[in-house]
Amino acid sequence: MVMDMAKVVILGAGHVGSMCALNLARLGICREIVLIDIVEGKADAQAKDVADATVFMDRMPIVREGSYQDCDDADIIVNAVGVSRKPGQTRLDMLDVTIDIMKDVTARLNQTAFDGYFISISNPCDVVVNYAREHMKLPKNRIFGTGTLLDTARLRLTLHQLTGVSVNSIECFAMGEHGDSSMVAMSQITFMGKPLAQLQQEKPQIFGKVTYDILLERTHQLGMEIVIGKGSTEFGIGAALAMVCKAVLHDEKRILPVSALLEGEYGQNGIMAGVPAIIGKDGVEEIIELSLNEQEQKAFAASCDVIRAYIAKANAR
């Protein structure tokens, strides 16, 4: 694969899939973006709309409607199938509909010659990507989900709003399920390289505002506030997905919290959950094990148990 000559196929041309296409086009990291949707005419309309926008960009990728035959030579498949979350719904409430769709998606993909990277953003993210891994013939490093990347972005934004420190100087991670059971690795939060706990002692008037309860509440609730106000989230996840694709295509070796297969890390086995990982040309190249304290480890384990329970439900359908 030559960077900037990649072909990306997006399954699902709704709010999220189309926003992924737009962000990929903006970054100028691929030669061709192909949209596929079950609704007749939708992928074609979205592709034409994104293509209009490329006229104002430095690079103009080909953006078009396609079919599953396009997956044969795709470098990346972005899984954005499913329906939008409704006010009051958790991401896990979307399980039945999405898994029914995934049965068809995985069956179709297994009939193609696809041998690239499968990146899933469909909700419930961790359950869907676990299902896809179990039903597709791809190496573990080439199938993963966006996981807690968006949760972590919301966490960084909240920390910035509380302290005024640039998001570029904040290191933090939300981990576990992309959903209401995710946890915040409070002990790992740093500002400009300094641990939060140290700064709370040195500058309590600024950093004393940061509490676990506030961070967890904002991380969990921001998505629903967006859904209630406008019907769906799309801009944040579109930008997040494009960042992940760029890390793969440009071999950035970037540490991102994605839903990756755990094989002993954090005391978990055989489950995909949101954890920091090095993302590069080989997909998930290494999982980073943070030194979580006992309380954080228990919270992460509890979140993984939530994912497991819904995986069992998905497999029983």
C-alpha atoms as a PDB file:
ATOM      1  CA  MET A   1       0.000   0.000   0.000  1.00  0.00           C
ATOM      2  CA  VAL A   2       1.289   3.450  -0.940  1.00  0.00           C
ATOM      3  CA  MET A   3       0.178   6.246   1.349  1.00  0.00           C
ATOM      4  CA  ASP A   4      -2.280   8.622  -0.279  1.00  0.00           C
ATOM      5  CA  MET A   5      -3.063   5.965  -2.909  1.00  0.00           C
ATOM      6  CA  ALA A   6      -5.297   3.912  -0.636  1.00  0.00           C
ATOM      7  CA  LYS A   7      -8.857   2.837  -1.297  1.00  0.00           C
ATOM      8  CA  VAL A   8     -11.305   3.126   1.601  1.00  0.00           C
ATOM      9  CA  VAL A   9     -14.756   1.534   1.473  1.00  0.00           C
ATOM     10  CA  ILE A  10     -17.386   2.811   3.911  1.00  0.00           C
ATOM     11  CA  LEU A  11     -20.300   0.515   4.728  1.00  0.00           C
ATOM     12  CA  GLY A  12     -23.248   2.723   5.636  1.00  0.00           C
ATOM     13  CA  ALA A  13     -23.812   6.168   4.130  1.00  0.00           C
ATOM     14  CA  GLY A  14     -25.869   7.763   6.868  1.00  0.00           C
ATOM     15  CA  HIS A  15     -24.893  10.683   9.103  1.00  0.00           C
ATOM     16  CA  VAL A  16     -21.784   8.933  10.406  1.00  0.00           C
ATOM     17  CA  GLY A  17     -20.625   7.176   7.250  1.00  0.00           C
ATOM     18  CA  SER A  18     -20.907  10.317   5.135  1.00  0.00           C
ATOM     19  CA  MET A  19     -19.064  12.380   7.752  1.00  0.00           C
ATOM     20  CA  CYS A  20     -16.281   9.791   7.746  1.00  0.00           C
ATOM     21  CA  ALA A  21     -16.059  10.197   3.973  1.00  0.00           C
ATOM     22  CA  LEU A  22     -15.856  13.982   4.260  1.00  0.00           C
ATOM     23  CA  ASN A  23     -13.120  13.859   6.912  1.00  0.00           C
ATOM     24  CA  LEU A  24     -11.087  11.331   4.950  1.00  0.00           C
ATOM     25  CA  ALA A  25     -11.344  13.564   1.886  1.00  0.00           C
ATOM     26  CA  ARG A  26     -10.268  16.603   3.902  1.00  0.00           C
ATOM     27  CA  LEU A  27      -7.135  14.838   5.141  1.00  0.00           C
ATOM     28  CA  GLY A  28      -6.140  13.899   1.595  1.00  0.00           C
ATOM     29  CA  ILE A  29      -4.941  10.472   2.717  1.00  0.00           C
ATOM     30  CA  CYS A  30      -6.623   8.249   0.135  1.00  0.00           C
ATOM     31  CA  ARG A  31      -7.075   8.004  -3.610  1.00  0.00           C
ATOM     32  CA  GLU A  32     -10.593   6.624  -3.588  1.00  0.00           C
ATOM     33  CA  ILE A  33     -13.523   6.673  -1.148  1.00  0.00           C
ATOM     34  CA  VAL A  34     -16.397   4.300  -1.886  1.00  0.00           C
ATOM     35  CA  LEU A  35     -19.757   4.475  -0.110  1.00  0.00           C
ATOM     36  CA  ILE A  36     -22.169   1.530   0.148  1.00  0.00           C
ATOM     37  CA  ASP A  37     -25.671   1.669   1.605  1.00  0.00           C
ATOM     38  CA  ILE A  38     -28.721  -0.574   1.654  1.00  0.00           C
ATOM     39  CA  VAL A  39     -31.032   2.378   0.873  1.00  0.00           C
ATOM     40  CA  GLU A  40     -31.183   2.838  -2.884  1.00  0.00           C
ATOM     41  CA  GLY A  41     -29.713   6.134  -4.043  1.00  0.00           C
ATOM     42  CA  LYS A  42     -28.419   7.200  -0.628  1.00  0.00           C
ATOM     43  CA  ALA A  43     -24.761   6.284  -1.121  1.00  0.00           C
ATOM     44  CA  ASP A  44     -24.770   7.912  -4.554  1.00  0.00           C
ATOM     45  CA  ALA A  45     -26.252  11.145  -3.179  1.00  0.00           C
ATOM     46  CA  GLN A  46     -23.819  11.290  -0.257  1.00  0.00           C
ATOM     47  CA  ALA A  47     -20.875  10.554  -2.547  1.00  0.00           C
ATOM     48  CA  LYS A  48     -21.874  13.357  -4.906  1.00  0.00           C
ATOM     49  CA  ASP A  49     -22.254  15.770  -1.986  1.00  0.00           C
ATOM     50  CA  VAL A  50     -18.796  14.912  -0.633  1.00  0.00           C
ATOM     51  CA  ALA A  51     -17.349  15.099  -4.155  1.00  0.00           C
ATOM     52  CA  ASP A  52     -18.676  18.664  -4.422  1.00  0.00           C
ATOM     53  CA  ALA A  53     -16.737  19.537  -1.266  1.00  0.00           C
ATOM     54  CA  THR A  54     -13.487  18.093  -2.652  1.00  0.00           C
ATOM     55  CA  VAL A  55     -13.393  20.854  -5.264  1.00  0.00           C
ATOM     56  CA  PHE A  56     -12.412  23.189  -2.427  1.00  0.00           C
ATOM     57  CA  MET A  57      -9.689  20.871  -1.088  1.00  0.00           C
ATOM     58  CA  ASP A  58      -5.998  20.647  -1.958  1.00  0.00           C
ATOM     59  CA  ARG A  59      -6.409  17.029  -3.024  1.00  0.00           C
ATOM     60  CA  MET A  60      -9.386  15.553  -4.836  1.00  0.00           C
ATOM     61  CA  PRO A  61      -9.968  11.863  -4.151  1.00  0.00           C
ATOM     62  CA  ILE A  62     -12.477   9.909  -6.189  1.00  0.00           C
ATOM     63  CA  VAL A  63     -15.696   9.692  -4.150  1.00  0.00           C
ATOM     64  CA  ARG A  64     -18.410   7.394  -5.479  1.00  0.00           C
ATOM     65  CA  GLU A  65     -21.099   4.851  -4.740  1.00  0.00           C
ATOM     66  CA  GLY A  66     -19.998   1.239  -4.924  1.00  0.00           C
ATOM     67  CA  SER A  67     -20.845  -2.365  -4.121  1.00  0.00           C
ATOM     68  CA  TYR A  68     -19.338  -5.183  -2.094  1.00  0.00           C
ATOM     69  CA  GLN A  69     -17.164  -6.036  -5.111  1.00  0.00           C
ATOM     70  CA  ASP A  70     -15.215  -2.889  -4.250  1.00  0.00           C
ATOM     71  CA  CYS A  71     -14.083  -4.585  -1.043  1.00  0.00           C
ATOM     72  CA  ASP A  72     -11.873  -7.004  -3.010  1.00  0.00           C
ATOM     73  CA  ASP A  73      -9.054  -4.473  -3.353  1.00  0.00           C
ATOM     74  CA  ALA A  74      -9.930  -2.108  -0.492  1.00  0.00           C
ATOM     75  CA  ASP A  75      -7.136  -1.162   1.890  1.00  0.00           C
ATOM     76  CA  ILE A  76      -9.563  -0.214   4.655  1.00  0.00           C
ATOM     77  CA  ILE A  77     -13.210  -1.027   5.255  1.00  0.00           C
ATOM     78  CA  VAL A  78     -15.008   1.312   7.634  1.00  0.00           C
ATOM     79  CA  ASN A  79     -18.031  -0.322   9.223  1.00  0.00           C
ATOM     80  CA  ALA A  80     -20.673   2.366   9.823  1.00  0.00           C
ATOM     81  CA  VAL A  81     -23.843   0.309   9.371  1.00  0.00           C
ATOM     82  CA  GLY A  82     -26.821   0.582  11.695  1.00  0.00           C
ATOM     83  CA  VAL A  83     -29.371   3.117  12.839  1.00  0.00           C
ATOM     84  CA  SER A  84     -29.009   6.361  14.771  1.00  0.00           C
ATOM     85  CA  ARG A  85     -29.383   6.281  18.541  1.00  0.00           C
ATOM     86  CA  LYS A  86     -32.645   7.782  19.795  1.00  0.00           C
ATOM     87  CA  PRO A  87     -33.007  10.030  22.862  1.00  0.00           C
ATOM     88  CA  GLY A  88     -33.043   7.861  25.977  1.00  0.00           C
ATOM     89  CA  GLN A  89     -31.361   4.905  24.263  1.00  0.00           C
ATOM     90  CA  THR A  90     -28.000   3.572  25.321  1.00  0.00           C
ATOM     91  CA  ARG A  91     -25.645   2.304  22.637  1.00  0.00           C
ATOM     92  CA  LEU A  92     -26.319  -1.215  23.900  1.00  0.00           C
ATOM     93  CA  ASP A  93     -30.030  -0.754  23.152  1.00  0.00           C
ATOM     94  CA  MET A  94     -29.077  -0.754  19.460  1.00  0.00           C
ATOM     95  CA  LEU A  95     -27.632  -4.262  19.654  1.00  0.00           C
ATOM     96  CA  ASP A  96     -30.395  -6.343  18.042  1.00  0.00           C
ATOM     97  CA  VAL A  97     -30.813  -4.215  14.930  1.00  0.00           C
ATOM     98  CA  THR A  98     -27.086  -3.804  14.354  1.00  0.00           C
ATOM     99  CA  ILE A  99     -26.241  -7.485  14.855  1.00  0.00           C
ATOM    100  CA  ASP A 100     -28.949  -8.484  12.380  1.00  0.00           C
ATOM    101  CA  ILE A 101     -27.302  -6.169   9.854  1.00  0.00           C
ATOM    102  CA  MET A 102     -23.835  -7.493  10.752  1.00  0.00           C
ATOM    103  CA  LYS A 103     -24.879 -11.061   9.951  1.00  0.00           C
ATOM    104  CA  ASP A 104     -25.437  -9.980   6.363  1.00  0.00           C
ATOM    105  CA  VAL A 105     -22.333  -7.752   6.271  1.00  0.00           C
ATOM    106  CA  THR A 106     -19.918 -10.431   7.500  1.00  0.00           C
ATOM    107  CA  ALA A 107     -21.418 -13.050   5.174  1.00  0.00           C
ATOM    108  CA  ARG A 108     -20.962 -10.729   2.189  1.00  0.00           C
ATOM    109  CA  LEU A 109     -17.418  -9.733   3.169  1.00  0.00           C
ATOM    110  CA  ASN A 110     -16.372 -13.357   3.597  1.00  0.00           C
ATOM    111  CA  GLN A 111     -17.277 -13.888  -0.061  1.00  0.00           C
ATOM    112  CA  THR A 112     -14.844 -11.166  -1.170  1.00  0.00           C
ATOM    113  CA  ALA A 113     -11.053 -11.171  -1.429  1.00  0.00           C
ATOM    114  CA  PHE A 114     -10.746  -8.416   1.187  1.00  0.00           C
ATOM    115  CA  ASP A 115      -7.488  -8.643   3.134  1.00  0.00           C
ATOM    116  CA  GLY A 116      -7.054  -5.147   4.531  1.00  0.00           C
ATOM    117  CA  TYR A 117      -8.037  -3.398   7.759  1.00  0.00           C
ATOM    118  CA  PHE A 118     -11.578  -3.558   9.127  1.00  0.00           C
ATOM    119  CA  ILE A 119     -12.308  -0.586  11.391  1.00  0.00           C
ATOM    120  CA  SER A 120     -15.729  -0.601  13.042  1.00  0.00           C
ATOM    121  CA  ILE A 121     -17.576   2.407  14.427  1.00  0.00           C
ATOM    122  CA  SER A 122     -21.109   0.953  14.506  1.00  0.00           C
ATOM    123  CA  ASN A 123     -22.765   0.912  17.928  1.00  0.00           C
ATOM    124  CA  PRO A 124     -22.581  -0.819  20.287  1.00  0.00           C
ATOM    125  CA  CYS A 125     -18.979  -0.488  19.117  1.00  0.00           C
ATOM    126  CA  ASP A 126     -17.191  -3.095  21.238  1.00  0.00           C
ATOM    127  CA  VAL A 127     -19.912  -5.729  20.844  1.00  0.00           C
ATOM    128  CA  VAL A 128     -20.123  -5.233  17.075  1.00  0.00           C
ATOM    129  CA  VAL A 129     -16.367  -5.458  16.532  1.00  0.00           C
ATOM    130  CA  ASN A 130     -16.188  -8.558  18.745  1.00  0.00           C
ATOM    131  CA  TYR A 131     -18.941 -10.103  16.603  1.00  0.00           C
ATOM    132  CA  ALA A 132     -17.130  -9.137  13.398  1.00  0.00           C
ATOM    133  CA  ARG A 133     -13.852 -10.635  14.630  1.00  0.00           C
ATOM    134  CA  GLU A 134     -15.548 -13.928  15.430  1.00  0.00           C
ATOM    135  CA  HIS A 135     -17.261 -14.115  12.031  1.00  0.00           C
ATOM    136  CA  MET A 136     -14.529 -12.814   9.708  1.00  0.00           C
ATOM    137  CA  LYS A 137     -11.229 -14.310   8.578  1.00  0.00           C
ATOM    138  CA  LEU A 138      -8.855 -11.483   9.441  1.00  0.00           C
ATOM    139  CA  PRO A 139      -5.755 -11.373  11.663  1.00  0.00           C
ATOM    140  CA  LYS A 140      -6.471  -9.893  15.092  1.00  0.00           C
ATOM    141  CA  ASN A 141      -4.313  -6.817  14.430  1.00  0.00           C
ATOM    142  CA  ARG A 142      -6.307  -5.858  11.323  1.00  0.00           C
ATOM    143  CA  ILE A 143      -9.762  -5.795  12.875  1.00  0.00           C
ATOM    144  CA  PHE A 144     -10.549  -3.254  15.573  1.00  0.00           C
ATOM    145  CA  GLY A 145     -13.018  -0.559  16.573  1.00  0.00           C
ATOM    146  CA  THR A 146     -12.787   3.133  17.362  1.00  0.00           C
ATOM    147  CA  GLY A 147     -13.490   2.080  20.945  1.00  0.00           C
ATOM    148  CA  THR A 148     -13.075   4.826  23.534  1.00  0.00           C
ATOM    149  CA  LEU A 149     -11.344   7.280  21.196  1.00  0.00           C
ATOM    150  CA  LEU A 150     -14.363   9.599  21.135  1.00  0.00           C
ATOM    151  CA  ASP A 151     -14.918   9.125  24.883  1.00  0.00           C
ATOM    152  CA  THR A 152     -11.290  10.153  25.409  1.00  0.00           C
ATOM    153  CA  ALA A 153     -11.760  13.203  23.186  1.00  0.00           C
ATOM    154  CA  ARG A 154     -14.717  14.258  25.339  1.00  0.00           C
ATOM    155  CA  LEU A 155     -12.619  13.656  28.436  1.00  0.00           C
ATOM    156  CA  ARG A 156      -9.821  15.870  27.101  1.00  0.00           C
ATOM    157  CA  LEU A 157     -12.330  18.556  26.162  1.00  0.00           C
ATOM    158  CA  THR A 158     -13.811  18.501  29.666  1.00  0.00           C
ATOM    159  CA  LEU A 159     -10.352  18.760  31.245  1.00  0.00           C
ATOM    160  CA  HIS A 160      -9.574  21.711  28.977  1.00  0.00           C
ATOM    161  CA  GLN A 161     -12.831  23.435  29.904  1.00  0.00           C
ATOM    162  CA  LEU A 162     -12.196  22.939  33.627  1.00  0.00           C
ATOM    163  CA  THR A 163      -8.555  24.068  33.637  1.00  0.00           C
ATOM    164  CA  GLY A 164      -7.946  26.171  30.525  1.00  0.00           C
ATOM    165  CA  VAL A 165      -4.980  23.988  29.534  1.00  0.00           C
ATOM    166  CA  SER A 166      -4.689  23.253  25.804  1.00  0.00           C
ATOM    167  CA  VAL A 167      -6.023  19.839  24.791  1.00  0.00           C
ATOM    168  CA  ASN A 168      -2.658  19.289  23.091  1.00  0.00           C
ATOM    169  CA  SER A 169      -0.970  19.372  26.510  1.00  0.00           C
ATOM    170  CA  ILE A 170      -3.366  16.921  28.168  1.00  0.00           C
ATOM    171  CA  GLU A 171      -2.805  13.156  28.292  1.00  0.00           C
ATOM    172  CA  CYS A 172      -5.749  11.043  29.441  1.00  0.00           C
ATOM    173  CA  PHE A 173      -7.672   7.900  28.600  1.00  0.00           C
ATOM    174  CA  ALA A 174     -11.227   6.653  28.905  1.00  0.00           C
ATOM    175  CA  MET A 175     -11.187   2.856  28.755  1.00  0.00           C
ATOM    176  CA  GLY A 176     -13.488  -0.149  28.507  1.00  0.00           C
ATOM    177  CA  GLU A 177     -16.826   0.005  26.728  1.00  0.00           C
ATOM    178  CA  HIS A 178     -17.649   2.849  24.360  1.00  0.00           C
ATOM    179  CA  GLY A 179     -20.695   3.576  26.461  1.00  0.00           C
ATOM    180  CA  ASP A 180     -22.086   4.079  29.927  1.00  0.00           C
ATOM    181  CA  SER A 181     -19.769   1.604  31.653  1.00  0.00           C
ATOM    182  CA  SER A 182     -16.527   3.188  30.442  1.00  0.00           C
ATOM    183  CA  MET A 183     -14.052   4.280  33.109  1.00  0.00           C
ATOM    184  CA  VAL A 184     -11.608   7.159  33.414  1.00  0.00           C
ATOM    185  CA  ALA A 185      -7.996   6.295  34.235  1.00  0.00           C
ATOM    186  CA  MET A 186      -7.722   9.153  36.720  1.00  0.00           C
ATOM    187  CA  SER A 187      -4.251   8.156  37.925  1.00  0.00           C
ATOM    188  CA  GLN A 188      -2.902   8.479  34.375  1.00  0.00           C
ATOM    189  CA  ILE A 189      -4.066  12.046  33.659  1.00  0.00           C
ATOM    190  CA  THR A 190      -1.186  14.444  33.042  1.00  0.00           C
ATOM    191  CA  PHE A 191      -0.955  18.115  32.079  1.00  0.00           C
ATOM    192  CA  MET A 192       2.238  19.139  30.300  1.00  0.00           C
ATOM    193  CA  GLY A 193       3.805  15.950  31.648  1.00  0.00           C
ATOM    194  CA  LYS A 194       2.805  16.585  35.266  1.00  0.00           C
ATOM    195  CA  PRO A 195       0.382  14.204  37.016  1.00  0.00           C
ATOM    196  CA  LEU A 196      -3.009  15.643  37.889  1.00  0.00           C
ATOM    197  CA  ALA A 197      -2.558  14.707  41.570  1.00  0.00           C
ATOM    198  CA  GLN A 198       0.627  16.786  41.759  1.00  0.00           C
ATOM    199  CA  LEU A 199      -0.979  19.791  40.087  1.00  0.00           C
ATOM    200  CA  GLN A 200      -3.969  19.591  42.427  1.00  0.00           C
ATOM    201  CA  GLN A 201      -1.557  20.139  45.306  1.00  0.00           C
ATOM    202  CA  GLU A 202       0.469  22.852  43.565  1.00  0.00           C
ATOM    203  CA  LYS A 203      -2.443  24.789  42.031  1.00  0.00           C
ATOM    204  CA  PRO A 204      -5.661  23.737  43.783  1.00  0.00           C
ATOM    205  CA  GLN A 205      -7.504  26.851  42.592  1.00  0.00           C
ATOM    206  CA  ILE A 206      -7.253  25.551  39.008  1.00  0.00           C
ATOM    207  CA  PHE A 207      -6.865  21.793  39.151  1.00  0.00           C
ATOM    208  CA  GLY A 208      -8.975  21.258  42.252  1.00  0.00           C
ATOM    209  CA  LYS A 209     -12.039  21.598  40.011  1.00  0.00           C
ATOM    210  CA  VAL A 210     -11.205  18.271  38.410  1.00  0.00           C
ATOM    211  CA  THR A 211     -13.040  15.387  40.077  1.00  0.00           C
ATOM    212  CA  TYR A 212     -13.676  11.815  38.964  1.00  0.00           C
ATOM    213  CA  ASP A 213     -17.439  12.238  39.169  1.00  0.00           C
ATOM    214  CA  ILE A 214     -17.426  15.293  36.909  1.00  0.00           C
ATOM    215  CA  LEU A 215     -15.158  13.653  34.340  1.00  0.00           C
ATOM    216  CA  LEU A 216     -17.168  10.439  34.240  1.00  0.00           C
ATOM    217  CA  GLU A 217     -20.493  12.267  34.028  1.00  0.00           C
ATOM    218  CA  ARG A 218     -19.383  14.490  31.148  1.00  0.00           C
ATOM    219  CA  THR A 219     -17.743  11.612  29.290  1.00  0.00           C
ATOM    220  CA  HIS A 220     -20.932   9.568  29.528  1.00  0.00           C
ATOM    221  CA  GLN A 221     -23.503  12.314  28.944  1.00  0.00           C
ATOM    222  CA  LEU A 222     -22.082  14.473  26.154  1.00  0.00           C
ATOM    223  CA  GLY A 223     -23.098  12.020  23.445  1.00  0.00           C
ATOM    224  CA  MET A 224     -26.704  11.818  24.631  1.00  0.00           C
ATOM    225  CA  GLU A 225     -26.931  15.618  24.869  1.00  0.00           C
ATOM    226  CA  ILE A 226     -25.956  15.782  21.199  1.00  0.00           C
ATOM    227  CA  VAL A 227     -28.477  13.081  20.255  1.00  0.00           C
ATOM    228  CA  ILE A 228     -31.275  14.885  22.120  1.00  0.00           C
ATOM    229  CA  GLY A 229     -30.412  18.203  20.494  1.00  0.00           C
ATOM    230  CA  LYS A 230     -29.854  17.165  16.864  1.00  0.00           C
ATOM    231  CA  GLY A 231     -30.791  13.514  16.460  1.00  0.00           C
ATOM    232  CA  SER A 232     -27.350  11.942  16.057  1.00  0.00           C
ATOM    233  CA  THR A 233     -23.643  12.375  16.640  1.00  0.00           C
ATOM    234  CA  GLU A 234     -21.521  12.608  13.508  1.00  0.00           C
ATOM    235  CA  PHE A 235     -18.799  15.282  13.499  1.00  0.00           C
ATOM    236  CA  GLY A 236     -16.721  13.927  16.381  1.00  0.00           C
ATOM    237  CA  ILE A 237     -16.774  10.286  15.324  1.00  0.00           C
ATOM    238  CA  GLY A 238     -16.097  11.255  11.707  1.00  0.00           C
ATOM    239  CA  ALA A 239     -12.951  13.113  12.757  1.00  0.00           C
ATOM    240  CA  ALA A 240     -11.932  10.275  15.081  1.00  0.00           C
ATOM    241  CA  LEU A 241     -12.275   7.660  12.345  1.00  0.00           C
ATOM    242  CA  ALA A 242     -10.219   9.720   9.912  1.00  0.00           C
ATOM    243  CA  MET A 243      -7.459  10.040  12.535  1.00  0.00           C
ATOM    244  CA  VAL A 244      -7.352   6.259  12.953  1.00  0.00           C
ATOM    245  CA  CYS A 245      -7.191   5.697   9.187  1.00  0.00           C
ATOM    246  CA  LYS A 246      -4.368   8.223   8.882  1.00  0.00           C
ATOM    247  CA  ALA A 247      -2.430   6.487  11.663  1.00  0.00           C
ATOM    248  CA  VAL A 248      -2.664   3.229   9.696  1.00  0.00           C
ATOM    249  CA  LEU A 249      -2.023   4.589   6.204  1.00  0.00           C
ATOM    250  CA  HIS A 250       0.859   6.844   7.264  1.00  0.00           C
ATOM    251  CA  ASP A 251       2.309   4.331   9.743  1.00  0.00           C
ATOM    252  CA  GLU A 252       2.235   6.967  12.481  1.00  0.00           C
ATOM    253  CA  LYS A 253       2.768   4.582  15.432  1.00  0.00           C
ATOM    254  CA  ARG A 254       0.240   6.742  17.236  1.00  0.00           C
ATOM    255  CA  ILE A 255      -1.173   5.752  20.618  1.00  0.00           C
ATOM    256  CA  LEU A 256      -4.965   5.779  20.382  1.00  0.00           C
ATOM    257  CA  PRO A 257      -7.605   4.183  22.643  1.00  0.00           C
ATOM    258  CA  VAL A 258      -9.256   1.680  20.302  1.00  0.00           C
ATOM    259  CA  SER A 259     -11.295  -1.471  20.801  1.00  0.00           C
ATOM    260  CA  ALA A 260      -8.615  -4.146  20.422  1.00  0.00           C
ATOM    261  CA  LEU A 261      -8.344  -7.831  21.299  1.00  0.00           C
ATOM    262  CA  LEU A 262      -6.995  -8.435  24.797  1.00  0.00           C
ATOM    263  CA  GLU A 263      -4.962 -11.572  25.436  1.00  0.00           C
ATOM    264  CA  GLY A 264      -3.935 -11.208  29.048  1.00  0.00           C
ATOM    265  CA  GLU A 265      -3.504  -7.434  29.094  1.00  0.00           C
ATOM    266  CA  TYR A 266      -5.289  -5.793  32.021  1.00  0.00           C
ATOM    267  CA  GLY A 267      -6.221  -9.290  33.215  1.00  0.00           C
ATOM    268  CA  GLN A 268      -8.639  -9.816  30.315  1.00  0.00           C
ATOM    269  CA  ASN A 269      -8.715 -12.553  27.688  1.00  0.00           C
ATOM    270  CA  GLY A 270     -10.602 -13.055  24.432  1.00  0.00           C
ATOM    271  CA  ILE A 271     -12.460  -9.754  24.499  1.00  0.00           C
ATOM    272  CA  MET A 272     -12.144  -6.514  22.546  1.00  0.00           C
ATOM    273  CA  ALA A 273     -12.412  -3.344  24.628  1.00  0.00           C
ATOM    274  CA  GLY A 274     -11.165   0.240  24.541  1.00  0.00           C
ATOM    275  CA  VAL A 275      -7.485   0.393  25.538  1.00  0.00           C
ATOM    276  CA  PRO A 276      -4.501   2.516  24.479  1.00  0.00           C
ATOM    277  CA  ALA A 277      -2.729   0.889  21.538  1.00  0.00           C
ATOM    278  CA  ILE A 278      -0.028   1.748  19.030  1.00  0.00           C
ATOM    279  CA  ILE A 279      -1.657   2.124  15.605  1.00  0.00           C
ATOM    280  CA  GLY A 280       0.471   1.908  12.461  1.00  0.00           C
ATOM    281  CA  LYS A 281       0.850   0.100   9.145  1.00  0.00           C
ATOM    282  CA  ASP A 282       0.201  -3.237  10.849  1.00  0.00           C
ATOM    283  CA  GLY A 283      -3.008  -2.001  12.452  1.00  0.00           C
ATOM    284  CA  VAL A 284      -3.002  -2.647  16.195  1.00  0.00           C
ATOM    285  CA  GLU A 285       0.736  -3.118  16.663  1.00  0.00           C
ATOM    286  CA  GLU A 286       0.939  -3.142  20.448  1.00  0.00           C
ATOM    287  CA  ILE A 287      -1.414  -2.702  23.380  1.00  0.00           C
ATOM    288  CA  ILE A 288      -0.125  -0.284  26.009  1.00  0.00           C
ATOM    289  CA  GLU A 289      -0.682  -1.450  29.575  1.00  0.00           C
ATOM    290  CA  LEU A 290      -1.104   1.504  31.912  1.00  0.00           C
ATOM    291  CA  SER A 291      -0.382   1.100  35.627  1.00  0.00           C
ATOM    292  CA  LEU A 292      -3.983   1.329  36.798  1.00  0.00           C
ATOM    293  CA  ASN A 293      -4.674   1.462  40.510  1.00  0.00           C
ATOM    294  CA  GLU A 294      -6.873  -1.174  42.143  1.00  0.00           C
ATOM    295  CA  GLN A 295     -10.072   0.862  41.857  1.00  0.00           C
ATOM    296  CA  GLU A 296      -9.433   1.606  38.176  1.00  0.00           C
ATOM    297  CA  GLN A 297      -8.621  -2.028  37.443  1.00  0.00           C
ATOM    298  CA  LYS A 298     -11.926  -3.100  38.998  1.00  0.00           C
ATOM    299  CA  ALA A 299     -13.834  -0.477  37.001  1.00  0.00           C
ATOM    300  CA  PHE A 300     -12.189  -1.649  33.782  1.00  0.00           C
ATOM    301  CA  ALA A 301     -12.985  -5.292  34.570  1.00  0.00           C
ATOM    302  CA  ALA A 302     -16.614  -4.378  35.292  1.00  0.00           C
ATOM    303  CA  SER A 303     -16.861  -2.592  31.937  1.00  0.00           C
ATOM    304  CA  CYS A 304     -15.443  -5.650  30.167  1.00  0.00           C
ATOM    305  CA  ASP A 305     -18.060  -7.788  31.918  1.00  0.00           C
ATOM    306  CA  VAL A 306     -20.772  -5.557  30.443  1.00  0.00           C
ATOM    307  CA  ILE A 307     -19.315  -6.088  26.969  1.00  0.00           C
ATOM    308  CA  ARG A 308     -19.118  -9.857  27.548  1.00  0.00           C
ATOM    309  CA  ALA A 309     -22.764 -10.075  28.558  1.00  0.00           C
ATOM    310  CA  TYR A 310     -23.882  -8.353  25.375  1.00  0.00           C
ATOM    311  CA  ILE A 311     -21.527 -10.419  23.218  1.00  0.00           C
ATOM    312  CA  ALA A 312     -23.271 -13.510  24.577  1.00  0.00           C
ATOM    313  CA  LYS A 313     -26.618 -11.946  23.712  1.00  0.00           C
ATOM    314  CA  ALA A 314     -25.419 -11.122  20.194  1.00  0.00           C
ATOM    315  CA  ASN A 315     -24.127 -14.644  19.611  1.00  0.00           C
ATOM    316  CA  ALA A 316     -27.435 -16.089  20.793  1.00  0.00           C
ATOM    317  CA  ARG A 317     -29.406 -14.291  18.082  1.00  0.00           C
END
